[in-house]
């Protein structure tokens, strides 16, 4: 179920113009702060990683995830497994699992921060 949702979301964002994605990110940033806009970008890119990743070819997405997460001071332990999996040319399933774990961990972290 979750993978189907991820695919549907990614396809909708992929099919939309990049200016549309940029506009969504800008609006999120305006309403909730630049960190939230950056987190939206990480969300989109990490979902794209699931779709586009081939061992040894991540389309540069791993480095974008690393730089954006560092930019907003998201704790390394929440996202480093994705970057490490990409860097070691892990299988598609391993990267997908790392991305899903990152999504769960970031959601739990943000929920904890909100309380």
N, C-alpha and C. Protein backbone atom coordinates (compact mmCIF):
# COMPACT_ATOMS: atom_id res chain seq x y z
N UNK A 1 0.83 -1.20 0.00
CA UNK A 1 0.00 0.00 0.00
C UNK A 1 0.86 1.25 0.00
N UNK A 2 1.84 1.30 0.91
CA UNK A 2 2.67 2.49 1.04
C UNK A 2 3.44 2.74 -0.26
N UNK A 3 3.95 1.67 -0.88
CA UNK A 3 4.71 1.84 -2.11
C UNK A 3 3.82 2.40 -3.22
N UNK A 4 2.58 1.96 -3.28
CA UNK A 4 1.64 2.48 -4.27
C UNK A 4 1.42 3.97 -4.05
N UNK A 5 1.28 4.38 -2.81
CA UNK A 5 1.09 5.80 -2.50
C UNK A 5 2.32 6.59 -2.91
N UNK A 6 3.50 6.05 -2.62
CA UNK A 6 4.74 6.73 -2.98
C UNK A 6 4.81 6.90 -4.50
N UNK A 7 4.50 5.83 -5.23
CA UNK A 7 4.53 5.91 -6.69
C UNK A 7 3.54 6.94 -7.21
N UNK A 8 2.34 6.92 -6.69
CA UNK A 8 1.32 7.87 -7.14
C UNK A 8 1.76 9.30 -6.88
N UNK A 9 2.28 9.56 -5.69
CA UNK A 9 2.75 10.89 -5.34
C UNK A 9 3.89 11.32 -6.25
N UNK A 10 4.85 10.43 -6.43
CA UNK A 10 6.01 10.76 -7.26
C UNK A 10 5.60 11.02 -8.70
N UNK A 11 4.71 10.20 -9.23
CA UNK A 11 4.27 10.42 -10.61
C UNK A 11 3.54 11.74 -10.75
N UNK A 12 2.71 12.10 -9.79
CA UNK A 12 2.02 13.38 -9.85
C UNK A 12 3.02 14.52 -9.84
N UNK A 13 4.02 14.42 -9.00
CA UNK A 13 5.03 15.48 -8.93
C UNK A 13 5.92 15.48 -10.17
N UNK A 14 6.19 14.29 -10.70
CA UNK A 14 7.00 14.21 -11.91
C UNK A 14 6.25 14.77 -13.11
N UNK A 15 4.96 14.47 -13.19
CA UNK A 15 4.18 14.92 -14.33
C UNK A 15 3.94 16.42 -14.32
N UNK A 16 3.92 16.99 -13.13
CA UNK A 16 3.77 18.43 -13.04
C UNK A 16 5.05 19.11 -13.45
N UNK A 17 4.94 20.32 -13.89
CA UNK A 17 6.12 21.08 -14.28
C UNK A 17 7.01 21.34 -13.07
N UNK A 18 8.30 21.44 -13.32
CA UNK A 18 9.22 21.73 -12.22
C UNK A 18 8.86 23.06 -11.57
N UNK A 19 8.30 23.97 -12.35
CA UNK A 19 7.87 25.25 -11.77
C UNK A 19 6.74 25.04 -10.77
N UNK A 20 5.89 24.02 -11.02
CA UNK A 20 4.81 23.70 -10.08
C UNK A 20 5.40 23.18 -8.78
N UNK A 21 6.39 22.27 -8.87
CA UNK A 21 7.03 21.75 -7.66
C UNK A 21 7.73 22.89 -6.91
N UNK A 22 8.38 23.77 -7.65
CA UNK A 22 9.06 24.91 -7.02
C UNK A 22 8.04 25.82 -6.32
N UNK A 23 6.90 26.01 -6.96
CA UNK A 23 5.85 26.85 -6.37
C UNK A 23 5.31 26.22 -5.08
N UNK A 24 5.11 24.92 -5.10
CA UNK A 24 4.65 24.24 -3.88
C UNK A 24 5.68 24.43 -2.78
N UNK A 25 6.95 24.21 -3.09
CA UNK A 25 8.01 24.40 -2.11
C UNK A 25 8.07 25.82 -1.59
N UNK A 26 7.90 26.80 -2.49
CA UNK A 26 7.92 28.21 -2.08
C UNK A 26 6.77 28.52 -1.12
N UNK A 27 5.59 28.00 -1.45
CA UNK A 27 4.43 28.25 -0.59
C UNK A 27 4.58 27.60 0.78
N UNK A 28 5.12 26.40 0.79
CA UNK A 28 5.38 25.73 2.07
C UNK A 28 6.37 26.56 2.88
N UNK A 29 7.42 27.04 2.23
CA UNK A 29 8.42 27.86 2.91
C UNK A 29 7.82 29.13 3.47
N UNK A 30 6.96 29.78 2.69
CA UNK A 30 6.32 31.01 3.15
C UNK A 30 5.44 30.77 4.37
N UNK A 31 4.71 29.68 4.33
CA UNK A 31 3.75 29.42 5.41
C UNK A 31 4.39 28.82 6.65
N UNK A 32 5.38 27.92 6.45
CA UNK A 32 5.92 27.18 7.58
C UNK A 32 7.41 27.40 7.83
N UNK A 33 8.07 28.16 6.98
CA UNK A 33 9.50 28.41 7.15
C UNK A 33 10.33 27.65 6.12
N UNK A 34 11.54 28.14 5.91
CA UNK A 34 12.39 27.58 4.86
C UNK A 34 12.75 26.12 5.12
N UNK A 35 12.87 25.73 6.39
CA UNK A 35 13.16 24.33 6.71
C UNK A 35 12.08 23.39 6.21
N UNK A 36 10.83 23.83 6.31
CA UNK A 36 9.72 23.00 5.83
C UNK A 36 9.76 22.88 4.31
N UNK A 37 10.10 23.96 3.64
CA UNK A 37 10.21 23.91 2.19
C UNK A 37 11.33 22.98 1.75
N UNK A 38 12.44 23.02 2.47
CA UNK A 38 13.56 22.14 2.17
C UNK A 38 13.18 20.69 2.45
N UNK A 39 12.46 20.47 3.52
CA UNK A 39 12.00 19.12 3.84
C UNK A 39 11.06 18.59 2.75
N UNK A 40 10.24 19.46 2.17
CA UNK A 40 9.40 19.06 1.04
C UNK A 40 10.28 18.61 -0.12
N UNK A 41 11.34 19.35 -0.39
CA UNK A 41 12.25 18.97 -1.47
C UNK A 41 12.87 17.60 -1.20
N UNK A 42 13.30 17.36 0.04
CA UNK A 42 13.87 16.07 0.41
C UNK A 42 12.84 14.96 0.22
N UNK A 43 11.60 15.23 0.58
CA UNK A 43 10.53 14.25 0.40
C UNK A 43 10.36 13.89 -1.07
N UNK A 44 10.29 14.90 -1.92
CA UNK A 44 10.14 14.65 -3.36
C UNK A 44 11.34 13.88 -3.89
N UNK A 45 12.54 14.35 -3.55
CA UNK A 45 13.76 13.72 -4.09
C UNK A 45 13.90 12.28 -3.59
N UNK A 46 13.58 12.03 -2.35
CA UNK A 46 13.74 10.67 -1.83
C UNK A 46 12.73 9.72 -2.48
N UNK A 47 11.53 10.21 -2.77
CA UNK A 47 10.56 9.38 -3.50
C UNK A 47 11.03 9.14 -4.93
N UNK A 48 11.62 10.14 -5.54
CA UNK A 48 12.17 9.96 -6.88
C UNK A 48 13.33 8.97 -6.86
N UNK A 49 14.09 8.98 -5.79
CA UNK A 49 15.20 8.03 -5.67
C UNK A 49 14.70 6.60 -5.76
N UNK A 50 13.58 6.32 -5.12
CA UNK A 50 13.00 4.97 -5.18
C UNK A 50 12.71 4.58 -6.63
N UNK A 51 12.22 5.52 -7.40
CA UNK A 51 11.84 5.24 -8.79
C UNK A 51 13.03 5.19 -9.74
N UNK A 52 14.00 6.06 -9.55
CA UNK A 52 15.07 6.24 -10.53
C UNK A 52 16.36 5.50 -10.21
N UNK A 53 16.54 5.09 -8.98
CA UNK A 53 17.82 4.52 -8.54
C UNK A 53 18.15 3.23 -9.27
N UNK A 54 19.38 3.16 -9.69
CA UNK A 54 20.02 1.94 -10.16
C UNK A 54 21.35 1.87 -9.43
N UNK A 55 21.75 0.69 -8.96
CA UNK A 55 23.03 0.60 -8.24
C UNK A 55 24.16 1.26 -9.04
N UNK A 56 24.78 2.23 -8.41
CA UNK A 56 25.86 2.97 -9.06
C UNK A 56 25.39 4.22 -9.78
N UNK A 57 24.08 4.43 -9.87
CA UNK A 57 23.54 5.61 -10.55
C UNK A 57 22.31 6.11 -9.80
N UNK A 58 22.51 7.13 -9.00
CA UNK A 58 21.40 7.68 -8.22
C UNK A 58 20.92 9.02 -8.78
N UNK A 59 21.40 9.37 -9.98
CA UNK A 59 21.02 10.63 -10.63
C UNK A 59 21.41 11.85 -9.78
N UNK A 60 22.35 11.69 -8.85
CA UNK A 60 22.79 12.79 -8.00
C UNK A 60 21.87 13.06 -6.82
N UNK A 61 20.84 12.24 -6.66
CA UNK A 61 19.83 12.50 -5.62
C UNK A 61 20.40 12.29 -4.22
N UNK A 62 21.27 11.31 -4.05
CA UNK A 62 21.86 11.06 -2.73
C UNK A 62 22.58 12.28 -2.18
N UNK A 63 23.34 12.95 -3.02
CA UNK A 63 24.08 14.13 -2.55
C UNK A 63 23.13 15.29 -2.27
N UNK A 64 22.03 15.38 -3.02
CA UNK A 64 21.04 16.43 -2.74
C UNK A 64 20.38 16.17 -1.39
N UNK A 65 20.02 14.93 -1.13
CA UNK A 65 19.42 14.58 0.17
C UNK A 65 20.39 14.94 1.29
N UNK A 66 21.65 14.56 1.13
CA UNK A 66 22.65 14.86 2.16
C UNK A 66 22.80 16.37 2.37
N UNK A 67 22.94 17.13 1.30
CA UNK A 67 23.16 18.57 1.47
C UNK A 67 21.94 19.27 2.05
N UNK A 68 20.75 18.90 1.59
CA UNK A 68 19.54 19.57 2.10
C UNK A 68 19.26 19.21 3.56
N UNK A 69 19.47 17.94 3.91
CA UNK A 69 19.25 17.54 5.31
C UNK A 69 20.26 18.22 6.23
N UNK A 70 21.49 18.35 5.77
CA UNK A 70 22.51 19.06 6.55
C UNK A 70 22.17 20.54 6.67
N UNK A 71 21.68 21.11 5.57
CA UNK A 71 21.29 22.52 5.52
C UNK A 71 20.28 22.87 6.60
N UNK A 72 19.33 21.98 6.85
CA UNK A 72 18.28 22.26 7.84
C UNK A 72 18.57 21.61 9.19
N UNK A 73 19.80 21.12 9.33
CA UNK A 73 20.27 20.51 10.59
C UNK A 73 19.40 19.34 11.04
N UNK A 74 18.92 18.56 10.08
CA UNK A 74 18.20 17.35 10.42
C UNK A 74 19.23 16.35 10.93
N UNK A 75 19.01 15.76 12.09
CA UNK A 75 20.01 14.85 12.65
C UNK A 75 20.43 13.77 11.65
N UNK A 76 21.74 13.57 11.55
CA UNK A 76 22.31 12.62 10.59
C UNK A 76 21.70 11.23 10.68
N UNK A 77 21.42 10.77 11.89
CA UNK A 77 20.92 9.40 12.05
C UNK A 77 19.57 9.19 11.36
N UNK A 78 18.89 10.26 10.99
CA UNK A 78 17.59 10.14 10.34
C UNK A 78 17.71 9.87 8.85
N UNK A 79 18.79 10.28 8.23
CA UNK A 79 18.91 10.19 6.78
C UNK A 79 20.20 9.53 6.26
N UNK A 80 21.18 9.34 7.11
CA UNK A 80 22.49 8.86 6.67
C UNK A 80 22.43 7.46 6.04
N UNK A 81 21.49 6.63 6.48
CA UNK A 81 21.40 5.28 5.91
C UNK A 81 21.07 5.32 4.41
N UNK A 82 20.28 6.30 4.00
CA UNK A 82 19.97 6.45 2.57
C UNK A 82 21.23 6.81 1.80
N UNK A 83 21.95 7.79 2.29
CA UNK A 83 23.18 8.24 1.62
C UNK A 83 24.21 7.12 1.60
N UNK A 84 24.36 6.42 2.71
CA UNK A 84 25.32 5.31 2.76
C UNK A 84 24.94 4.20 1.79
N UNK A 85 23.65 3.89 1.70
CA UNK A 85 23.21 2.84 0.77
C UNK A 85 23.52 3.24 -0.67
N UNK A 86 23.26 4.48 -1.01
CA UNK A 86 23.56 4.97 -2.36
C UNK A 86 25.06 4.91 -2.61
N UNK A 87 25.84 5.38 -1.65
CA UNK A 87 27.29 5.44 -1.83
C UNK A 87 27.92 4.07 -1.98
N UNK A 88 27.35 3.06 -1.32
CA UNK A 88 27.91 1.72 -1.43
C UNK A 88 27.28 0.92 -2.57
N UNK A 89 26.45 1.61 -3.38
CA UNK A 89 25.81 1.00 -4.55
C UNK A 89 24.94 -0.20 -4.16
N UNK A 90 24.16 0.00 -3.11
CA UNK A 90 23.28 -1.05 -2.60
C UNK A 90 22.22 -1.40 -3.65
N UNK A 91 21.54 -2.50 -3.41
CA UNK A 91 20.47 -2.93 -4.31
C UNK A 91 19.31 -1.93 -4.25
N UNK A 92 18.45 -2.00 -5.26
CA UNK A 92 17.27 -1.13 -5.29
C UNK A 92 16.40 -1.35 -4.05
N UNK A 93 16.24 -2.61 -3.66
CA UNK A 93 15.41 -2.91 -2.48
C UNK A 93 16.02 -2.32 -1.21
N UNK A 94 17.34 -2.39 -1.08
CA UNK A 94 17.99 -1.83 0.11
C UNK A 94 17.81 -0.31 0.17
N UNK A 95 17.93 0.34 -0.97
CA UNK A 95 17.74 1.80 -1.01
C UNK A 95 16.29 2.14 -0.70
N UNK A 96 15.37 1.40 -1.30
CA UNK A 96 13.95 1.64 -1.03
C UNK A 96 13.66 1.48 0.46
N UNK A 97 14.18 0.41 1.08
CA UNK A 97 13.97 0.20 2.51
C UNK A 97 14.57 1.34 3.33
N UNK A 98 15.75 1.81 2.93
CA UNK A 98 16.40 2.92 3.64
C UNK A 98 15.57 4.20 3.52
N UNK A 99 15.00 4.44 2.36
CA UNK A 99 14.16 5.62 2.17
C UNK A 99 12.90 5.51 3.03
N UNK A 100 12.25 4.36 3.02
CA UNK A 100 11.06 4.20 3.86
C UNK A 100 11.39 4.38 5.34
N UNK A 101 12.53 3.85 5.76
CA UNK A 101 12.96 4.03 7.15
C UNK A 101 13.20 5.51 7.43
N UNK A 102 13.85 6.21 6.50
CA UNK A 102 14.09 7.64 6.68
C UNK A 102 12.76 8.38 6.82
N UNK A 103 11.79 8.06 5.98
CA UNK A 103 10.48 8.72 6.08
C UNK A 103 9.85 8.49 7.45
N UNK A 104 9.88 7.25 7.91
CA UNK A 104 9.31 6.93 9.23
C UNK A 104 10.06 7.65 10.34
N UNK A 105 11.39 7.63 10.27
CA UNK A 105 12.21 8.25 11.32
C UNK A 105 12.03 9.76 11.35
N UNK A 106 11.98 10.40 10.18
CA UNK A 106 11.79 11.85 10.13
C UNK A 106 10.40 12.20 10.66
N UNK A 107 9.39 11.43 10.29
CA UNK A 107 8.03 11.69 10.79
C UNK A 107 7.98 11.58 12.31
N UNK A 108 8.61 10.55 12.86
CA UNK A 108 8.63 10.39 14.32
C UNK A 108 9.38 11.54 14.98
N UNK A 109 10.50 11.94 14.39
CA UNK A 109 11.30 13.06 14.93
C UNK A 109 10.48 14.35 14.92
N UNK A 110 9.81 14.63 13.82
CA UNK A 110 9.02 15.86 13.73
C UNK A 110 7.84 15.84 14.68
N UNK A 111 7.23 14.67 14.83
CA UNK A 111 6.13 14.54 15.77
C UNK A 111 6.62 14.80 17.19
N UNK A 112 7.78 14.28 17.51
CA UNK A 112 8.36 14.50 18.84
C UNK A 112 8.69 15.97 19.05
N UNK A 113 9.18 16.63 18.03
CA UNK A 113 9.51 18.05 18.12
C UNK A 113 8.25 18.91 18.32
N UNK A 114 7.15 18.45 17.76
CA UNK A 114 5.91 19.21 17.84
C UNK A 114 5.24 19.11 19.21
N UNK A 115 5.62 18.13 19.99
CA UNK A 115 4.97 17.94 21.30
C UNK A 115 5.59 18.77 22.38
